[in-house]
């Protein structure tokens, strides 16, 4: 059914993953939004793969690279991660693991461990390739950016009311983990 596709139909997210890459860099002190990144002519070849941008190249801040969704800029900045950090960042945002919704058939998506990466994987992952995410994982991850860095447990039902309108059961929001500090999400702003 369409409802179940939110938890059992992984897709390759592409550019929509870039904010999580940058949030991880900021949280680990590996980059700042005002750092300058050179995107050259909007093309960059690394490990046999050529990345291209749809906009004009040149020098820009990392913040601008996120804003214009620069493949080259974000991938170059992500070189500061070691593979373990890059993998842990994506896992912390909930990628590669089930969300825990009490529905049958949920899948974890695809996030390979660093020992199974190719030479191109780090660059690909930085810009949302070589990873499979479900719509629910992506919604929860963006929710973490909107919630000051807190990844929340998904809820199907907020509360159950009796026939008289009284609350019979209430499911309060629960934090799974803090993914990045609040300051990082405030610095990134709306993405």
C-alpha atoms as a PDB file:
ATOM      1  CA  UNK A   1       0.000   0.000   0.000  1.00  0.00           C
ATOM      2  CA  UNK A   2       1.035   3.638  -0.341  1.00  0.00           C
ATOM      3  CA  UNK A   3       1.250   4.087   3.436  1.00  0.00           C
ATOM      4  CA  UNK A   4       3.696   1.206   3.761  1.00  0.00           C
ATOM      5  CA  UNK A   5       5.925   2.629   1.024  1.00  0.00           C
ATOM      6  CA  UNK A   6       7.025   5.223   3.603  1.00  0.00           C
ATOM      7  CA  UNK A   7       8.798   2.434   5.468  1.00  0.00           C
ATOM      8  CA  UNK A   8       9.559  -0.206   2.849  1.00  0.00           C
ATOM      9  CA  UNK A   9      10.495   1.627  -0.359  1.00  0.00           C
ATOM     10  CA  UNK A  10      14.078   2.912  -0.083  1.00  0.00           C
ATOM     11  CA  UNK A  11      15.388   5.383  -2.650  1.00  0.00           C
ATOM     12  CA  UNK A  12      18.668   7.172  -3.335  1.00  0.00           C
ATOM     13  CA  UNK A  13      18.167  10.661  -1.859  1.00  0.00           C
ATOM     14  CA  UNK A  14      20.795  12.636  -3.796  1.00  0.00           C
ATOM     15  CA  UNK A  15      21.017  16.314  -2.889  1.00  0.00           C
ATOM     16  CA  UNK A  16      18.468  16.109  -0.076  1.00  0.00           C
ATOM     17  CA  UNK A  17      21.180  14.364   1.987  1.00  0.00           C
ATOM     18  CA  UNK A  18      23.668  17.260   1.763  1.00  0.00           C
ATOM     19  CA  UNK A  19      22.398  19.154   4.845  1.00  0.00           C
ATOM     20  CA  UNK A  20      23.135  16.089   6.998  1.00  0.00           C
ATOM     21  CA  UNK A  21      26.677  15.910   5.648  1.00  0.00           C
ATOM     22  CA  UNK A  22      27.254  19.563   6.485  1.00  0.00           C
ATOM     23  CA  UNK A  23      25.582  19.292   9.907  1.00  0.00           C
ATOM     24  CA  UNK A  24      27.957  16.441  10.750  1.00  0.00           C
ATOM     25  CA  UNK A  25      30.978  18.473   9.671  1.00  0.00           C
ATOM     26  CA  UNK A  26      29.866  21.444  11.790  1.00  0.00           C
ATOM     27  CA  UNK A  27      29.070  19.273  14.823  1.00  0.00           C
ATOM     28  CA  UNK A  28      32.526  17.688  14.742  1.00  0.00           C
ATOM     29  CA  UNK A  29      34.328  20.991  14.259  1.00  0.00           C
ATOM     30  CA  UNK A  30      35.609  19.833  10.865  1.00  0.00           C
ATOM     31  CA  UNK A  31      34.200  22.802   8.954  1.00  0.00           C
ATOM     32  CA  UNK A  32      32.425  26.127   9.374  1.00  0.00           C
ATOM     33  CA  UNK A  33      29.752  27.616   7.160  1.00  0.00           C
ATOM     34  CA  UNK A  34      31.985  30.587   6.359  1.00  0.00           C
ATOM     35  CA  UNK A  35      34.864  28.348   5.186  1.00  0.00           C
ATOM     36  CA  UNK A  36      35.746  28.952   1.548  1.00  0.00           C
ATOM     37  CA  UNK A  37      35.483  26.009  -0.804  1.00  0.00           C
ATOM     38  CA  UNK A  38      36.722  26.187  -4.377  1.00  0.00           C
ATOM     39  CA  UNK A  39      34.332  24.624  -6.851  1.00  0.00           C
ATOM     40  CA  UNK A  40      36.600  25.469  -9.788  1.00  0.00           C
ATOM     41  CA  UNK A  41      34.588  25.453 -12.989  1.00  0.00           C
ATOM     42  CA  UNK A  42      31.808  23.435 -11.355  1.00  0.00           C
ATOM     43  CA  UNK A  43      33.474  20.113 -12.180  1.00  0.00           C
ATOM     44  CA  UNK A  44      35.695  17.960  -9.974  1.00  0.00           C
ATOM     45  CA  UNK A  45      37.144  14.548 -10.733  1.00  0.00           C
ATOM     46  CA  UNK A  46      38.160  12.426  -7.776  1.00  0.00           C
ATOM     47  CA  UNK A  47      38.822   8.682  -7.595  1.00  0.00           C
ATOM     48  CA  UNK A  48      37.674   8.292 -11.202  1.00  0.00           C
ATOM     49  CA  UNK A  49      34.323  10.013 -10.663  1.00  0.00           C
ATOM     50  CA  UNK A  50      33.477  13.453 -12.049  1.00  0.00           C
ATOM     51  CA  UNK A  51      31.076  15.594 -10.054  1.00  0.00           C
ATOM     52  CA  UNK A  52      29.320  18.477 -11.759  1.00  0.00           C
ATOM     53  CA  UNK A  53      27.306  21.453 -10.585  1.00  0.00           C
ATOM     54  CA  UNK A  54      24.412  23.075 -12.387  1.00  0.00           C
ATOM     55  CA  UNK A  55      25.429  26.571 -11.275  1.00  0.00           C
ATOM     56  CA  UNK A  56      28.492  28.689 -11.964  1.00  0.00           C
ATOM     57  CA  UNK A  57      31.645  27.520 -10.218  1.00  0.00           C
ATOM     58  CA  UNK A  58      34.306  29.488  -8.377  1.00  0.00           C
ATOM     59  CA  UNK A  59      35.010  30.086  -4.706  1.00  0.00           C
ATOM     60  CA  UNK A  60      32.077  30.119  -2.305  1.00  0.00           C
ATOM     61  CA  UNK A  61      31.413  29.579   1.366  1.00  0.00           C
ATOM     62  CA  UNK A  62      30.293  26.186   2.584  1.00  0.00           C
ATOM     63  CA  UNK A  63      27.008  27.843   3.565  1.00  0.00           C
ATOM     64  CA  UNK A  64      26.520  28.973  -0.029  1.00  0.00           C
ATOM     65  CA  UNK A  65      27.502  25.512  -1.285  1.00  0.00           C
ATOM     66  CA  UNK A  66      24.617  24.058   0.733  1.00  0.00           C
ATOM     67  CA  UNK A  67      22.250  26.825  -0.353  1.00  0.00           C
ATOM     68  CA  UNK A  68      22.914  26.284  -4.078  1.00  0.00           C
ATOM     69  CA  UNK A  69      23.266  22.501  -3.580  1.00  0.00           C
ATOM     70  CA  UNK A  70      26.820  22.344  -4.932  1.00  0.00           C
ATOM     71  CA  UNK A  71      27.916  18.753  -5.419  1.00  0.00           C
ATOM     72  CA  UNK A  72      31.535  19.842  -5.747  1.00  0.00           C
ATOM     73  CA  UNK A  73      31.486  22.170  -2.731  1.00  0.00           C
ATOM     74  CA  UNK A  74      29.809  19.762  -0.314  1.00  0.00           C
ATOM     75  CA  UNK A  75      31.850  16.760  -1.488  1.00  0.00           C
ATOM     76  CA  UNK A  76      35.112  18.695  -1.132  1.00  0.00           C
ATOM     77  CA  UNK A  77      34.171  19.838   2.379  1.00  0.00           C
ATOM     78  CA  UNK A  78      33.248  16.254   3.304  1.00  0.00           C
ATOM     79  CA  UNK A  79      36.845  15.188   2.657  1.00  0.00           C
ATOM     80  CA  UNK A  80      37.490  16.352   6.241  1.00  0.00           C
ATOM     81  CA  UNK A  81      35.530  13.339   7.558  1.00  0.00           C
ATOM     82  CA  UNK A  82      37.304  10.070   8.118  1.00  0.00           C
ATOM     83  CA  UNK A  83      35.169   7.114   6.945  1.00  0.00           C
ATOM     84  CA  UNK A  84      34.102   6.205  10.480  1.00  0.00           C
ATOM     85  CA  UNK A  85      32.923   9.752  11.199  1.00  0.00           C
ATOM     86  CA  UNK A  86      31.004   9.986   7.942  1.00  0.00           C
ATOM     87  CA  UNK A  87      29.311   6.631   8.532  1.00  0.00           C
ATOM     88  CA  UNK A  88      28.464   7.428  12.176  1.00  0.00           C
ATOM     89  CA  UNK A  89      27.001  10.785  11.183  1.00  0.00           C
ATOM     90  CA  UNK A  90      24.571   9.175   8.752  1.00  0.00           C
ATOM     91  CA  UNK A  91      23.709   6.403  11.224  1.00  0.00           C
ATOM     92  CA  UNK A  92      23.086   8.983  13.974  1.00  0.00           C
ATOM     93  CA  UNK A  93      20.543  10.707  11.728  1.00  0.00           C
ATOM     94  CA  UNK A  94      18.771   7.331  11.481  1.00  0.00           C
ATOM     95  CA  UNK A  95      19.891   6.136   8.065  1.00  0.00           C
ATOM     96  CA  UNK A  96      20.617   2.436   7.627  1.00  0.00           C
ATOM     97  CA  UNK A  97      18.507   1.417  10.639  1.00  0.00           C
ATOM     98  CA  UNK A  98      14.786   0.813  11.072  1.00  0.00           C
ATOM     99  CA  UNK A  99      12.792   3.661  12.625  1.00  0.00           C
ATOM    100  CA  UNK A 100      10.918   1.298  14.942  1.00  0.00           C
ATOM    101  CA  UNK A 101       7.425   2.094  13.725  1.00  0.00           C
ATOM    102  CA  UNK A 102       5.141  -0.758  14.804  1.00  0.00           C
ATOM    103  CA  UNK A 103       4.214  -1.729  11.262  1.00  0.00           C
ATOM    104  CA  UNK A 104       5.083  -4.918   9.377  1.00  0.00           C
ATOM    105  CA  UNK A 105       7.649  -4.852   6.622  1.00  0.00           C
ATOM    106  CA  UNK A 106       9.814  -1.915   7.632  1.00  0.00           C
ATOM    107  CA  UNK A 107      13.243  -1.992   5.988  1.00  0.00           C
ATOM    108  CA  UNK A 108      16.455  -0.383   7.178  1.00  0.00           C
ATOM    109  CA  UNK A 109      17.465   1.055   3.818  1.00  0.00           C
ATOM    110  CA  UNK A 110      21.076   0.738   2.717  1.00  0.00           C
ATOM    111  CA  UNK A 111      24.123   2.223   4.397  1.00  0.00           C
ATOM    112  CA  UNK A 112      27.207   0.078   3.972  1.00  0.00           C
ATOM    113  CA  UNK A 113      29.872   0.000   6.671  1.00  0.00           C
ATOM    114  CA  UNK A 114      33.148   1.742   5.711  1.00  0.00           C
ATOM    115  CA  UNK A 115      34.989  -1.566   5.298  1.00  0.00           C
ATOM    116  CA  UNK A 116      32.638  -2.295   2.379  1.00  0.00           C
ATOM    117  CA  UNK A 117      33.080   1.081   0.645  1.00  0.00           C
ATOM    118  CA  UNK A 118      34.671   1.527  -2.750  1.00  0.00           C
ATOM    119  CA  UNK A 119      37.192   4.314  -3.361  1.00  0.00           C
ATOM    120  CA  UNK A 120      34.290   6.500  -4.526  1.00  0.00           C
ATOM    121  CA  UNK A 121      31.904   5.816  -1.634  1.00  0.00           C
ATOM    122  CA  UNK A 122      32.921   8.694   0.656  1.00  0.00           C
ATOM    123  CA  UNK A 123      32.376  11.229  -2.128  1.00  0.00           C
ATOM    124  CA  UNK A 124      29.134   9.570  -3.236  1.00  0.00           C
ATOM    125  CA  UNK A 125      27.695   9.430   0.280  1.00  0.00           C
ATOM    126  CA  UNK A 126      28.493  13.110   0.908  1.00  0.00           C
ATOM    127  CA  UNK A 127      26.016  14.080  -1.804  1.00  0.00           C
ATOM    128  CA  UNK A 128      23.411  11.368  -1.277  1.00  0.00           C
ATOM    129  CA  UNK A 129      24.452   8.483  -3.498  1.00  0.00           C
ATOM    130  CA  UNK A 130      25.350   4.872  -2.604  1.00  0.00           C
ATOM    131  CA  UNK A 131      22.725   5.060   0.155  1.00  0.00           C
ATOM    132  CA  UNK A 132      19.105   3.962   0.246  1.00  0.00           C
ATOM    133  CA  UNK A 133      16.711   5.723   2.618  1.00  0.00           C
ATOM    134  CA  UNK A 134      13.008   5.373   3.260  1.00  0.00           C
ATOM    135  CA  UNK A 135      10.683   8.376   3.182  1.00  0.00           C
ATOM    136  CA  UNK A 136      10.097   7.903   6.940  1.00  0.00           C
ATOM    137  CA  UNK A 137      13.846   7.955   7.685  1.00  0.00           C
ATOM    138  CA  UNK A 138      14.222  11.145   5.670  1.00  0.00           C
ATOM    139  CA  UNK A 139      11.251  12.790   7.410  1.00  0.00           C
ATOM    140  CA  UNK A 140      12.644  11.928  10.844  1.00  0.00           C
ATOM    141  CA  UNK A 141      16.141  13.131   9.906  1.00  0.00           C
ATOM    142  CA  UNK A 142      14.827  16.502   8.684  1.00  0.00           C
ATOM    143  CA  UNK A 143      12.740  16.594  11.846  1.00  0.00           C
ATOM    144  CA  UNK A 144      15.969  16.317  13.846  1.00  0.00           C
ATOM    145  CA  UNK A 145      17.320  19.416  12.087  1.00  0.00           C
ATOM    146  CA  UNK A 146      14.043  21.222  12.806  1.00  0.00           C
ATOM    147  CA  UNK A 147      13.988  20.019  16.445  1.00  0.00           C
ATOM    148  CA  UNK A 148      17.337  21.477  17.421  1.00  0.00           C
ATOM    149  CA  UNK A 149      19.261  18.290  16.702  1.00  0.00           C
ATOM    150  CA  UNK A 150      16.980  15.782  18.467  1.00  0.00           C
ATOM    151  CA  UNK A 151      15.998  12.686  16.507  1.00  0.00           C
ATOM    152  CA  UNK A 152      12.519  11.776  17.702  1.00  0.00           C
ATOM    153  CA  UNK A 153      10.832   8.392  17.859  1.00  0.00           C
ATOM    154  CA  UNK A 154       8.118   8.127  15.198  1.00  0.00           C
ATOM    155  CA  UNK A 155       4.526   7.985  16.433  1.00  0.00           C
ATOM    156  CA  UNK A 156       1.519   6.669  14.552  1.00  0.00           C
ATOM    157  CA  UNK A 157      -0.988   7.898  17.140  1.00  0.00           C
ATOM    158  CA  UNK A 158      -0.525  10.911  19.423  1.00  0.00           C
ATOM    159  CA  UNK A 159      -3.481  10.021  21.669  1.00  0.00           C
ATOM    160  CA  UNK A 160      -6.544   7.813  21.929  1.00  0.00           C
ATOM    161  CA  UNK A 161      -9.816   9.312  23.192  1.00  0.00           C
ATOM    162  CA  UNK A 162     -12.809   7.559  24.673  1.00  0.00           C
ATOM    163  CA  UNK A 163     -16.381   8.059  23.547  1.00  0.00           C
ATOM    164  CA  UNK A 164     -16.785  10.915  26.018  1.00  0.00           C
ATOM    165  CA  UNK A 165     -13.765  12.728  24.602  1.00  0.00           C
ATOM    166  CA  UNK A 166     -11.473  11.941  27.519  1.00  0.00           C
ATOM    167  CA  UNK A 167      -7.884  10.920  26.801  1.00  0.00           C
ATOM    168  CA  UNK A 168      -7.552   7.173  27.301  1.00  0.00           C
ATOM    169  CA  UNK A 169      -3.962   6.846  26.129  1.00  0.00           C
ATOM    170  CA  UNK A 170      -1.323   9.423  25.273  1.00  0.00           C
ATOM    171  CA  UNK A 171       1.930   8.838  23.417  1.00  0.00           C
ATOM    172  CA  UNK A 172       4.258  11.660  24.359  1.00  0.00           C
ATOM    173  CA  UNK A 173       7.091  12.575  21.987  1.00  0.00           C
ATOM    174  CA  UNK A 174      10.287  10.710  22.870  1.00  0.00           C
ATOM    175  CA  UNK A 175      13.809  11.576  21.848  1.00  0.00           C
ATOM    176  CA  UNK A 176      15.832   8.719  20.383  1.00  0.00           C
ATOM    177  CA  UNK A 177      19.118  10.651  20.578  1.00  0.00           C
ATOM    178  CA  UNK A 178      20.666  14.043  20.094  1.00  0.00           C
ATOM    179  CA  UNK A 179      22.302  13.910  16.677  1.00  0.00           C
ATOM    180  CA  UNK A 180      23.962  17.329  16.571  1.00  0.00           C
ATOM    181  CA  UNK A 181      24.052  20.259  19.002  1.00  0.00           C
ATOM    182  CA  UNK A 182      21.232  22.818  18.839  1.00  0.00           C
ATOM    183  CA  UNK A 183      23.786  25.480  17.828  1.00  0.00           C
ATOM    184  CA  UNK A 184      24.514  23.539  14.623  1.00  0.00           C
ATOM    185  CA  UNK A 185      20.855  23.466  13.601  1.00  0.00           C
ATOM    186  CA  UNK A 186      20.483  27.171  14.411  1.00  0.00           C
ATOM    187  CA  UNK A 187      23.556  27.959  12.331  1.00  0.00           C
ATOM    188  CA  UNK A 188      22.305  25.887   9.394  1.00  0.00           C
ATOM    189  CA  UNK A 189      18.878  27.507   9.569  1.00  0.00           C
ATOM    190  CA  UNK A 190      16.028  26.215   7.437  1.00  0.00           C
ATOM    191  CA  UNK A 191      17.229  23.682   4.882  1.00  0.00           C
END
